[in-house]
């Protein structure tokens, strides 16, 4: 596929500015009042809507997903059909992590239903998110140098960046999966994980 380098360069600069300014809400920035399901869905999509890059893809969060997370004990049940700060924090963590790791792995990373533990884990999560997003911006910027180089015009600069991003994502997913697997004893009869 052929891309217009100028358009891609402009988009990359806009994404860099967005990510440099973007922060997940801190615990105290999350609503202190309880919300109904549709309000929670809207809020999570407001916080994390940028994860959806293809309109034909499944939505980031739907009421049926929330109900399934409650059934799977990833999320505490709502209180009188309302969701509080701990629910929103857990949903932010779930919706972010499910982009790259399976739901069983996500479940293993979530704290138990204890507001203090959820608060502590959420604060660590947002700090890690900020640190890693800065790192990814730096790496993407370095990988995108040929797109900003007016002399380089092979026609493959954007494709090379896409391939590089896909390869980096696969290695990041592999690293996360292998680290999670270290905390889970292997199933008997399962194929061993190469070290």
N, C-alpha and C. Protein backbone atom coordinates (compact mmCIF):
# COMPACT_ATOMS: atom_id res chain seq x y z
N UNK A 1 0.84 -1.17 0.00
CA UNK A 1 0.00 0.00 0.00
C UNK A 1 0.89 1.24 0.00
N UNK A 2 0.52 2.22 -0.79
CA UNK A 2 1.28 3.46 -0.90
C UNK A 2 0.67 4.52 0.02
N UNK A 3 1.51 5.23 0.77
CA UNK A 3 1.06 6.25 1.71
C UNK A 3 1.66 7.59 1.34
N UNK A 4 0.98 8.65 1.72
CA UNK A 4 1.49 10.00 1.57
C UNK A 4 2.31 10.32 2.82
N UNK A 5 3.62 10.43 2.66
CA UNK A 5 4.50 10.64 3.81
C UNK A 5 4.15 11.91 4.58
N UNK A 6 3.75 12.95 3.88
CA UNK A 6 3.43 14.22 4.56
C UNK A 6 2.23 14.06 5.49
N UNK A 7 1.22 13.35 5.02
CA UNK A 7 0.03 13.12 5.85
C UNK A 7 0.40 12.25 7.06
N UNK A 8 1.18 11.21 6.82
CA UNK A 8 1.59 10.32 7.91
C UNK A 8 2.45 11.09 8.91
N UNK A 9 3.39 11.90 8.42
CA UNK A 9 4.25 12.68 9.32
C UNK A 9 3.41 13.62 10.19
N UNK A 10 2.42 14.27 9.58
CA UNK A 10 1.54 15.16 10.34
C UNK A 10 0.77 14.39 11.40
N UNK A 11 0.23 13.23 11.03
CA UNK A 11 -0.51 12.40 12.00
C UNK A 11 0.41 11.95 13.14
N UNK A 12 1.61 11.52 12.81
CA UNK A 12 2.55 11.07 13.84
C UNK A 12 2.85 12.18 14.84
N UNK A 13 3.03 13.40 14.34
CA UNK A 13 3.29 14.53 15.23
C UNK A 13 2.08 14.82 16.11
N UNK A 14 0.88 14.71 15.54
CA UNK A 14 -0.34 14.93 16.34
C UNK A 14 -0.49 13.85 17.40
N UNK A 15 -0.22 12.59 17.05
CA UNK A 15 -0.31 11.49 18.01
C UNK A 15 0.72 11.67 19.12
N UNK A 16 1.92 12.13 18.73
CA UNK A 16 2.96 12.36 19.74
C UNK A 16 2.49 13.42 20.74
N UNK A 17 1.95 14.54 20.23
CA UNK A 17 1.45 15.58 21.14
C UNK A 17 0.34 15.04 22.02
N UNK A 18 -0.57 14.27 21.42
CA UNK A 18 -1.67 13.70 22.20
C UNK A 18 -1.14 12.81 23.32
N UNK A 19 -0.24 11.88 22.98
CA UNK A 19 0.27 10.96 23.99
C UNK A 19 1.13 11.66 25.04
N UNK A 20 1.84 12.71 24.64
CA UNK A 20 2.62 13.45 25.62
C UNK A 20 1.73 14.18 26.61
N UNK A 21 0.54 14.56 26.18
CA UNK A 21 -0.39 15.28 27.06
C UNK A 21 -1.35 14.34 27.78
N UNK A 22 -1.52 13.12 27.27
CA UNK A 22 -2.53 12.22 27.80
C UNK A 22 -2.13 11.64 29.14
N UNK A 23 -3.07 11.61 30.05
CA UNK A 23 -2.89 10.96 31.34
C UNK A 23 -4.17 10.18 31.65
N UNK A 24 -4.01 8.98 32.14
CA UNK A 24 -5.18 8.29 32.67
C UNK A 24 -5.60 9.07 33.92
N UNK A 25 -6.87 9.09 34.20
CA UNK A 25 -7.29 9.81 35.41
C UNK A 25 -6.73 9.14 36.66
N UNK A 26 -6.28 9.94 37.59
CA UNK A 26 -5.83 9.41 38.88
C UNK A 26 -7.04 8.95 39.68
N UNK A 27 -6.80 8.22 40.73
CA UNK A 27 -7.88 7.71 41.58
C UNK A 27 -8.82 8.82 42.00
N UNK A 28 -8.28 9.94 42.45
CA UNK A 28 -9.11 11.05 42.93
C UNK A 28 -9.79 11.80 41.80
N UNK A 29 -9.38 11.56 40.56
CA UNK A 29 -10.04 12.17 39.40
C UNK A 29 -11.23 11.35 38.93
N UNK A 30 -11.31 10.10 39.37
CA UNK A 30 -12.45 9.27 39.01
C UNK A 30 -13.68 9.77 39.77
N UNK A 31 -14.87 9.62 39.20
CA UNK A 31 -16.07 10.11 39.88
C UNK A 31 -16.22 9.51 41.28
N UNK A 32 -16.55 10.37 42.23
CA UNK A 32 -16.74 9.90 43.60
C UNK A 32 -18.18 9.46 43.84
N UNK A 33 -19.05 9.74 42.87
CA UNK A 33 -20.45 9.30 42.98
C UNK A 33 -20.61 8.01 42.18
N UNK A 34 -21.63 7.24 42.50
CA UNK A 34 -21.88 6.01 41.75
C UNK A 34 -22.63 6.34 40.46
N UNK A 35 -22.37 5.51 39.46
CA UNK A 35 -22.92 5.75 38.12
C UNK A 35 -23.68 4.52 37.63
N UNK A 36 -24.66 4.77 36.76
CA UNK A 36 -25.35 3.68 36.09
C UNK A 36 -24.49 3.16 34.93
N UNK A 37 -24.82 1.97 34.47
CA UNK A 37 -24.06 1.28 33.43
C UNK A 37 -23.75 2.18 32.24
N UNK A 38 -24.76 2.82 31.66
CA UNK A 38 -24.53 3.63 30.46
C UNK A 38 -23.58 4.79 30.74
N UNK A 39 -23.64 5.36 31.94
CA UNK A 39 -22.70 6.43 32.30
C UNK A 39 -21.28 5.88 32.38
N UNK A 40 -21.14 4.69 32.93
CA UNK A 40 -19.82 4.06 33.04
C UNK A 40 -19.26 3.78 31.65
N UNK A 41 -20.08 3.24 30.78
CA UNK A 41 -19.65 2.94 29.40
C UNK A 41 -19.17 4.22 28.72
N UNK A 42 -19.95 5.28 28.84
CA UNK A 42 -19.56 6.56 28.24
C UNK A 42 -18.26 7.09 28.81
N UNK A 43 -18.09 6.97 30.11
CA UNK A 43 -16.88 7.46 30.77
C UNK A 43 -15.65 6.68 30.33
N UNK A 44 -15.75 5.36 30.30
CA UNK A 44 -14.61 4.54 29.88
C UNK A 44 -14.26 4.83 28.42
N UNK A 45 -15.27 4.98 27.58
CA UNK A 45 -14.99 5.31 26.18
C UNK A 45 -14.37 6.70 26.05
N UNK A 46 -14.74 7.60 26.93
CA UNK A 46 -14.12 8.94 26.94
C UNK A 46 -12.65 8.82 27.34
N UNK A 47 -12.36 8.03 28.36
CA UNK A 47 -10.98 7.87 28.82
C UNK A 47 -10.12 7.10 27.84
N UNK A 48 -10.67 6.06 27.22
CA UNK A 48 -9.86 5.13 26.43
C UNK A 48 -10.30 4.97 24.98
N UNK A 49 -11.15 5.85 24.52
CA UNK A 49 -11.69 5.72 23.16
C UNK A 49 -10.65 5.68 22.07
N UNK A 50 -9.47 6.22 22.32
CA UNK A 50 -8.43 6.21 21.30
C UNK A 50 -7.93 4.80 20.97
N UNK A 51 -8.24 3.81 21.82
CA UNK A 51 -7.85 2.43 21.52
C UNK A 51 -8.60 1.88 20.31
N UNK A 52 -9.75 2.43 20.01
CA UNK A 52 -10.54 1.94 18.88
C UNK A 52 -10.09 2.72 17.64
N UNK A 53 -9.35 2.05 16.77
CA UNK A 53 -8.84 2.71 15.57
C UNK A 53 -9.58 2.27 14.32
N UNK A 54 -10.40 1.23 14.43
CA UNK A 54 -11.16 0.72 13.29
C UNK A 54 -12.63 0.68 13.68
N UNK A 55 -13.45 1.56 13.06
CA UNK A 55 -14.86 1.61 13.44
C UNK A 55 -15.61 0.29 13.27
N UNK A 56 -15.10 -0.61 12.43
CA UNK A 56 -15.78 -1.90 12.23
C UNK A 56 -15.45 -2.88 13.36
N UNK A 57 -14.45 -2.53 14.20
CA UNK A 57 -14.08 -3.40 15.31
C UNK A 57 -15.14 -3.37 16.40
N UNK A 58 -15.07 -4.38 17.24
CA UNK A 58 -15.94 -4.43 18.41
C UNK A 58 -15.68 -3.20 19.27
N UNK A 59 -16.70 -2.72 19.94
CA UNK A 59 -16.54 -1.57 20.82
C UNK A 59 -15.60 -1.91 21.96
N UNK A 60 -15.00 -0.89 22.51
CA UNK A 60 -14.08 -1.07 23.62
C UNK A 60 -14.78 -1.65 24.84
N UNK A 61 -16.00 -1.18 25.11
CA UNK A 61 -16.74 -1.65 26.27
C UNK A 61 -18.23 -1.56 25.98
N UNK A 62 -18.93 -2.63 26.28
CA UNK A 62 -20.38 -2.67 26.11
C UNK A 62 -21.01 -3.15 27.42
N UNK A 63 -22.31 -2.94 27.59
CA UNK A 63 -22.96 -3.45 28.80
C UNK A 63 -22.80 -4.96 28.96
N UNK A 64 -22.86 -5.71 27.87
CA UNK A 64 -22.71 -7.17 28.00
C UNK A 64 -21.30 -7.54 28.46
N UNK A 65 -20.29 -6.77 28.03
CA UNK A 65 -18.93 -7.03 28.51
C UNK A 65 -18.84 -6.79 30.01
N UNK A 66 -19.42 -5.69 30.46
CA UNK A 66 -19.39 -5.38 31.90
C UNK A 66 -20.07 -6.50 32.67
N UNK A 67 -21.24 -6.93 32.20
CA UNK A 67 -21.96 -8.03 32.87
C UNK A 67 -21.11 -9.30 32.90
N UNK A 68 -20.41 -9.59 31.80
CA UNK A 68 -19.54 -10.77 31.77
C UNK A 68 -18.38 -10.63 32.74
N UNK A 69 -17.82 -9.44 32.85
CA UNK A 69 -16.72 -9.23 33.80
C UNK A 69 -17.19 -9.46 35.23
N UNK A 70 -18.42 -9.07 35.51
CA UNK A 70 -18.98 -9.32 36.85
C UNK A 70 -19.16 -10.83 37.05
N UNK A 71 -19.72 -11.52 36.05
CA UNK A 71 -19.93 -12.97 36.16
C UNK A 71 -18.62 -13.73 36.31
N UNK A 72 -17.56 -13.22 35.66
CA UNK A 72 -16.25 -13.88 35.72
C UNK A 72 -15.45 -13.44 36.95
N UNK A 73 -16.05 -12.60 37.78
CA UNK A 73 -15.42 -12.10 39.01
C UNK A 73 -14.19 -11.23 38.74
N UNK A 74 -14.13 -10.62 37.55
CA UNK A 74 -13.09 -9.64 37.27
C UNK A 74 -13.47 -8.29 37.88
N UNK A 75 -14.76 -8.12 38.07
CA UNK A 75 -15.33 -6.86 38.54
C UNK A 75 -16.33 -7.19 39.63
N UNK A 76 -16.29 -6.45 40.75
CA UNK A 76 -17.30 -6.70 41.79
C UNK A 76 -18.70 -6.38 41.26
N UNK A 77 -19.73 -7.00 41.79
CA UNK A 77 -21.08 -6.68 41.34
C UNK A 77 -21.43 -5.23 41.67
N UNK A 78 -22.28 -4.63 40.84
CA UNK A 78 -22.71 -3.26 41.15
C UNK A 78 -23.57 -3.27 42.41
N UNK A 79 -23.66 -2.11 43.03
CA UNK A 79 -24.51 -1.95 44.21
C UNK A 79 -25.75 -1.20 43.76
N UNK A 80 -26.89 -1.87 43.81
CA UNK A 80 -28.17 -1.31 43.33
C UNK A 80 -28.03 -0.77 41.90
N UNK A 81 -27.39 -1.58 41.05
CA UNK A 81 -27.20 -1.27 39.63
C UNK A 81 -26.31 -0.06 39.39
N UNK A 82 -25.51 0.30 40.40
CA UNK A 82 -24.60 1.44 40.24
C UNK A 82 -23.16 1.00 40.48
N UNK A 83 -22.27 1.70 39.79
CA UNK A 83 -20.84 1.38 39.80
C UNK A 83 -20.07 2.56 40.40
N UNK A 84 -19.09 2.24 41.22
CA UNK A 84 -18.31 3.27 41.89
C UNK A 84 -16.90 3.38 41.34
N UNK A 85 -16.11 4.10 42.06
CA UNK A 85 -14.73 4.40 41.69
C UNK A 85 -13.92 3.11 41.46
N UNK A 86 -14.07 2.13 42.34
CA UNK A 86 -13.28 0.90 42.18
C UNK A 86 -13.66 0.17 40.89
N UNK A 87 -14.95 0.22 40.52
CA UNK A 87 -15.38 -0.42 39.28
C UNK A 87 -14.74 0.27 38.07
N UNK A 88 -14.74 1.59 38.10
CA UNK A 88 -14.20 2.36 36.98
C UNK A 88 -12.70 2.11 36.85
N UNK A 89 -11.99 2.11 37.98
CA UNK A 89 -10.54 1.85 37.95
C UNK A 89 -10.27 0.46 37.37
N UNK A 90 -11.01 -0.54 37.83
CA UNK A 90 -10.81 -1.89 37.31
C UNK A 90 -11.15 -1.98 35.82
N UNK A 91 -12.20 -1.29 35.40
CA UNK A 91 -12.56 -1.31 33.97
C UNK A 91 -11.49 -0.65 33.11
N UNK A 92 -10.88 0.42 33.60
CA UNK A 92 -9.79 1.05 32.86
C UNK A 92 -8.64 0.06 32.72
N UNK A 93 -8.31 -0.64 33.79
CA UNK A 93 -7.24 -1.62 33.74
C UNK A 93 -7.59 -2.77 32.80
N UNK A 94 -8.80 -3.28 32.90
CA UNK A 94 -9.24 -4.39 32.05
C UNK A 94 -9.21 -3.98 30.58
N UNK A 95 -9.82 -2.84 30.27
CA UNK A 95 -9.92 -2.41 28.87
C UNK A 95 -8.56 -2.12 28.26
N UNK A 96 -7.62 -1.68 29.06
CA UNK A 96 -6.27 -1.42 28.56
C UNK A 96 -5.53 -2.73 28.33
N UNK A 97 -5.53 -3.60 29.33
CA UNK A 97 -4.75 -4.83 29.22
C UNK A 97 -5.32 -5.80 28.21
N UNK A 98 -6.64 -5.81 28.01
CA UNK A 98 -7.23 -6.77 27.08
C UNK A 98 -6.84 -6.46 25.63
N UNK A 99 -6.22 -5.32 25.40
CA UNK A 99 -5.76 -4.99 24.05
C UNK A 99 -4.64 -5.92 23.60
N UNK A 100 -3.92 -6.50 24.58
CA UNK A 100 -2.77 -7.31 24.20
C UNK A 100 -2.69 -8.67 24.87
N UNK A 101 -3.36 -8.87 25.99
CA UNK A 101 -3.29 -10.18 26.65
C UNK A 101 -4.69 -10.73 26.83
N UNK A 102 -4.78 -12.03 26.94
CA UNK A 102 -6.07 -12.70 27.08
C UNK A 102 -6.72 -12.40 28.42
N UNK A 103 -8.01 -12.68 28.49
CA UNK A 103 -8.78 -12.35 29.69
C UNK A 103 -8.33 -13.15 30.91
N UNK A 104 -7.85 -14.37 30.72
CA UNK A 104 -7.35 -15.15 31.86
C UNK A 104 -6.12 -14.45 32.44
N UNK A 105 -5.26 -13.94 31.57
CA UNK A 105 -4.08 -13.21 32.03
C UNK A 105 -4.48 -11.89 32.69
N UNK A 106 -5.45 -11.21 32.12
CA UNK A 106 -5.95 -9.96 32.72
C UNK A 106 -6.46 -10.26 34.12
N UNK A 107 -7.24 -11.33 34.25
CA UNK A 107 -7.80 -11.69 35.57
C UNK A 107 -6.70 -11.92 36.59
N UNK A 108 -5.60 -12.53 36.16
CA UNK A 108 -4.51 -12.82 37.10
C UNK A 108 -3.79 -11.55 37.54
N UNK A 109 -3.96 -10.47 36.81
CA UNK A 109 -3.27 -9.21 37.13
C UNK A 109 -4.12 -8.27 37.98
N UNK A 110 -5.39 -8.58 38.15
CA UNK A 110 -6.27 -7.67 38.88
C UNK A 110 -6.23 -7.93 40.38
N UNK A 111 -6.34 -6.86 41.17
CA UNK A 111 -6.37 -7.04 42.63
C UNK A 111 -7.71 -7.59 43.07
N UNK A 112 -7.76 -8.17 44.29
CA UNK A 112 -9.05 -8.65 44.81
C UNK A 112 -9.98 -7.47 45.12
N UNK A 113 -11.21 -7.80 45.43
CA UNK A 113 -12.23 -6.78 45.70
C UNK A 113 -12.01 -6.16 47.08
N UNK A 114 -11.03 -5.31 47.13
CA UNK A 114 -10.71 -4.56 48.34
C UNK A 114 -10.33 -3.16 47.86
N UNK A 115 -11.09 -2.17 48.28
CA UNK A 115 -10.91 -0.82 47.73
C UNK A 115 -9.48 -0.29 47.93
N UNK A 116 -8.88 -0.58 49.05
CA UNK A 116 -7.51 -0.11 49.29
C UNK A 116 -6.54 -0.76 48.32
N UNK A 117 -6.68 -2.06 48.11
CA UNK A 117 -5.81 -2.76 47.17
C UNK A 117 -6.05 -2.31 45.74
N UNK A 118 -7.31 -2.08 45.39
CA UNK A 118 -7.63 -1.59 44.04
C UNK A 118 -7.02 -0.21 43.84
N UNK A 119 -7.15 0.65 44.84
CA UNK A 119 -6.55 1.99 44.78
C UNK A 119 -5.04 1.90 44.55
N UNK A 120 -4.36 1.08 45.35
CA UNK A 120 -2.90 0.95 45.24
C UNK A 120 -2.49 0.41 43.87
N UNK A 121 -3.19 -0.62 43.42
CA UNK A 121 -2.85 -1.22 42.12
C UNK A 121 -3.16 -0.25 40.98
N UNK A 122 -4.25 0.48 41.09
CA UNK A 122 -4.60 1.45 40.05
C UNK A 122 -3.56 2.57 39.98
N UNK A 123 -3.11 3.05 41.11
CA UNK A 123 -2.07 4.09 41.11
C UNK A 123 -0.79 3.57 40.46
N UNK A 124 -0.40 2.33 40.75
CA UNK A 124 0.78 1.73 40.10
C UNK A 124 0.53 1.58 38.60
N UNK A 125 -0.68 1.17 38.25
CA UNK A 125 -1.03 0.98 36.85
C UNK A 125 -0.92 2.29 36.08
N UNK A 126 -1.48 3.37 36.61
CA UNK A 126 -1.44 4.66 35.90
C UNK A 126 -0.01 5.19 35.79
N UNK A 127 0.81 4.97 36.82
CA UNK A 127 2.21 5.40 36.76
C UNK A 127 2.96 4.61 35.68
N UNK A 128 2.72 3.32 35.63
CA UNK A 128 3.35 2.47 34.62
C UNK A 128 2.87 2.86 33.23
N UNK A 129 1.59 3.13 33.10
CA UNK A 129 1.01 3.53 31.82
C UNK A 129 1.71 4.78 31.30
N UNK A 130 1.89 5.77 32.17
CA UNK A 130 2.52 7.01 31.77
C UNK A 130 3.97 6.77 31.35
N UNK A 131 4.69 6.02 32.15
CA UNK A 131 6.10 5.73 31.85
C UNK A 131 6.25 4.99 30.52
N UNK A 132 5.43 3.98 30.31
CA UNK A 132 5.53 3.18 29.09
C UNK A 132 5.06 3.97 27.87
N UNK A 133 4.04 4.80 28.03
CA UNK A 133 3.58 5.59 26.88
C UNK A 133 4.68 6.54 26.43
N UNK A 134 5.44 7.11 27.36
CA UNK A 134 6.57 7.99 27.00
C UNK A 134 7.63 7.20 26.24
N UNK A 135 7.91 6.00 26.71
CA UNK A 135 8.89 5.14 26.06
C UNK A 135 8.44 4.80 24.63
N UNK A 136 7.19 4.44 24.47
CA UNK A 136 6.67 4.06 23.15
C UNK A 136 6.75 5.26 22.20
N UNK A 137 6.43 6.45 22.69
CA UNK A 137 6.52 7.65 21.84
C UNK A 137 7.96 7.83 21.37
N UNK A 138 8.92 7.69 22.28
CA UNK A 138 10.34 7.84 21.90
C UNK A 138 10.75 6.80 20.86
N UNK A 139 10.33 5.55 21.06
CA UNK A 139 10.68 4.49 20.13
C UNK A 139 10.02 4.68 18.77
N UNK A 140 8.76 5.08 18.79
CA UNK A 140 8.05 5.32 17.53
C UNK A 140 8.70 6.48 16.78
N UNK A 141 9.08 7.51 17.51
CA UNK A 141 9.72 8.67 16.88
C UNK A 141 11.03 8.26 16.21
N UNK A 142 11.82 7.45 16.91
CA UNK A 142 13.08 6.98 16.33
C UNK A 142 12.83 6.10 15.11
N UNK A 143 11.84 5.23 15.19
CA UNK A 143 11.53 4.34 14.06
C UNK A 143 10.94 5.09 12.88
N UNK A 144 10.33 6.23 13.14
CA UNK A 144 9.67 7.00 12.08
C UNK A 144 10.59 8.01 11.40
N UNK A 145 11.85 8.06 11.80
CA UNK A 145 12.76 9.06 11.21
C UNK A 145 12.74 9.08 9.69
N UNK A 146 12.74 7.92 8.99
CA UNK A 146 12.71 7.97 7.53
C UNK A 146 11.46 8.68 6.97
N UNK A 147 10.38 8.69 7.71
CA UNK A 147 9.17 9.37 7.24
C UNK A 147 9.37 10.88 7.26
N UNK A 148 10.15 11.37 8.21
CA UNK A 148 10.40 12.81 8.32
C UNK A 148 11.59 13.27 7.48
N UNK A 149 12.32 12.33 6.90
CA UNK A 149 13.50 12.64 6.08
C UNK A 149 13.04 12.96 4.66
N UNK A 150 13.21 14.22 4.21
CA UNK A 150 12.75 14.56 2.87
C UNK A 150 13.55 13.87 1.76
N UNK A 151 14.76 13.43 2.08
CA UNK A 151 15.60 12.77 1.07
C UNK A 151 15.17 11.32 0.87
N UNK A 152 14.80 10.67 1.98
CA UNK A 152 14.39 9.27 1.90
C UNK A 152 13.00 9.19 1.28
N UNK A 153 12.92 8.54 0.15
CA UNK A 153 11.63 8.44 -0.53
C UNK A 153 11.54 7.13 -1.30
N UNK A 154 11.72 6.04 -0.59
CA UNK A 154 11.68 4.73 -1.23
C UNK A 154 10.25 4.25 -1.45
N UNK A 155 9.31 4.87 -0.75
CA UNK A 155 7.93 4.42 -0.81
C UNK A 155 7.62 3.35 0.21
N UNK A 156 8.65 2.89 0.92
CA UNK A 156 8.45 1.83 1.91
C UNK A 156 8.57 2.32 3.34
N UNK A 157 8.80 3.61 3.54
CA UNK A 157 9.03 4.14 4.89
C UNK A 157 7.86 3.86 5.83
N UNK A 158 6.65 4.10 5.36
CA UNK A 158 5.47 3.90 6.21
C UNK A 158 5.24 2.40 6.45
N UNK A 159 5.37 1.61 5.39
CA UNK A 159 5.22 0.15 5.56
C UNK A 159 6.25 -0.38 6.56
N UNK A 160 7.47 0.13 6.49
CA UNK A 160 8.50 -0.31 7.44
C UNK A 160 8.11 0.04 8.87
N UNK A 161 7.53 1.22 9.07
CA UNK A 161 7.09 1.62 10.41
C UNK A 161 5.94 0.73 10.89
N UNK A 162 5.01 0.42 10.01
CA UNK A 162 3.89 -0.46 10.37
C UNK A 162 4.41 -1.84 10.76
N UNK A 163 5.31 -2.38 9.97
CA UNK A 163 5.88 -3.69 10.27
C UNK A 163 6.63 -3.63 11.59
N UNK A 164 7.42 -2.59 11.80
CA UNK A 164 8.15 -2.43 13.05
C UNK A 164 7.22 -2.36 14.25
N UNK A 165 6.12 -1.61 14.12
CA UNK A 165 5.15 -1.50 15.22
C UNK A 165 4.49 -2.85 15.49
N UNK A 166 4.16 -3.58 14.44
CA UNK A 166 3.54 -4.89 14.62
C UNK A 166 4.50 -5.87 15.29
N UNK A 167 5.76 -5.85 14.87
CA UNK A 167 6.76 -6.73 15.46
C UNK A 167 6.99 -6.35 16.93
N UNK A 168 7.10 -5.05 17.21
CA UNK A 168 7.29 -4.60 18.60
C UNK A 168 6.10 -5.02 19.46
N UNK A 169 4.89 -4.89 18.93
CA UNK A 169 3.69 -5.30 19.68
C UNK A 169 3.71 -6.80 19.95
N UNK A 170 4.15 -7.58 18.97
CA UNK A 170 4.18 -9.03 19.19
C UNK A 170 5.21 -9.41 20.25
N UNK A 171 6.34 -8.71 20.25
CA UNK A 171 7.34 -8.99 21.30
C UNK A 171 6.85 -8.52 22.66
N UNK A 172 6.17 -7.39 22.72
CA UNK A 172 5.63 -6.91 24.00
C UNK A 172 4.58 -7.88 24.52
N UNK A 173 3.74 -8.39 23.64
CA UNK A 173 2.73 -9.36 24.05
C UNK A 173 3.39 -10.66 24.53
N UNK A 174 4.41 -11.09 23.81
CA UNK A 174 5.14 -12.29 24.20
C UNK A 174 5.78 -12.11 25.58
N UNK A 175 6.41 -10.96 25.81
CA UNK A 175 7.03 -10.69 27.10
C UNK A 175 5.99 -10.72 28.22
N UNK A 176 4.87 -10.04 28.01
CA UNK A 176 3.81 -10.03 29.02
C UNK A 176 3.32 -11.45 29.29
N UNK A 177 3.08 -12.20 28.25
CA UNK A 177 2.59 -13.58 28.40
C UNK A 177 3.58 -14.47 29.14
N UNK A 178 4.85 -14.37 28.79
CA UNK A 178 5.86 -15.20 29.45
C UNK A 178 6.00 -14.82 30.92
N UNK A 179 5.94 -13.53 31.23
CA UNK A 179 6.03 -13.10 32.63
C UNK A 179 4.82 -13.58 33.43
N UNK A 180 3.64 -13.48 32.84
CA UNK A 180 2.43 -13.96 33.51
C UNK A 180 2.53 -15.47 33.74
N UNK A 181 3.04 -16.18 32.73
CA UNK A 181 3.16 -17.64 32.84
C UNK A 181 4.11 -18.05 33.96
N UNK A 182 5.09 -17.23 34.28
CA UNK A 182 6.01 -17.55 35.37
C UNK A 182 5.29 -17.61 36.72
N UNK A 183 4.20 -16.88 36.84
CA UNK A 183 3.43 -16.88 38.08
C UNK A 183 2.36 -17.95 38.13
N UNK A 184 2.13 -18.61 37.01
CA UNK A 184 1.11 -19.66 36.95
C UNK A 184 1.79 -21.01 36.74
N UNK A 185 1.52 -21.98 37.60
CA UNK A 185 2.12 -23.30 37.39
C UNK A 185 1.58 -23.91 36.09
N UNK A 186 2.45 -24.57 35.34
CA UNK A 186 1.98 -25.16 34.07
C UNK A 186 0.96 -26.26 34.32
N UNK A 187 0.01 -26.38 33.41
CA UNK A 187 -0.99 -27.43 33.47
C UNK A 187 -0.35 -28.75 33.08
N UNK A 188 -0.74 -29.79 33.76
CA UNK A 188 -0.21 -31.10 33.39
C UNK A 188 -0.72 -31.46 32.00
N UNK A 189 0.18 -31.96 31.21
CA UNK A 189 -0.18 -32.36 29.85
C UNK A 189 -0.12 -31.20 28.86
N UNK A 190 0.06 -29.98 29.34
CA UNK A 190 0.12 -28.85 28.43
C UNK A 190 1.51 -28.79 27.80
N UNK A 191 1.59 -28.18 26.66
CA UNK A 191 2.84 -28.01 25.96
C UNK A 191 3.74 -27.07 26.77
N UNK A 192 4.98 -27.45 27.05
CA UNK A 192 5.85 -26.58 27.85
C UNK A 192 6.18 -25.30 27.09
N UNK A 193 6.35 -24.23 27.83
CA UNK A 193 6.71 -22.94 27.25
C UNK A 193 8.22 -22.89 27.11
N UNK A 194 8.74 -22.59 25.90
CA UNK A 194 10.19 -22.49 25.74
C UNK A 194 10.74 -21.36 26.59
N UNK A 195 11.91 -21.58 27.15
CA UNK A 195 12.49 -20.55 28.03
C UNK A 195 13.37 -19.64 27.29
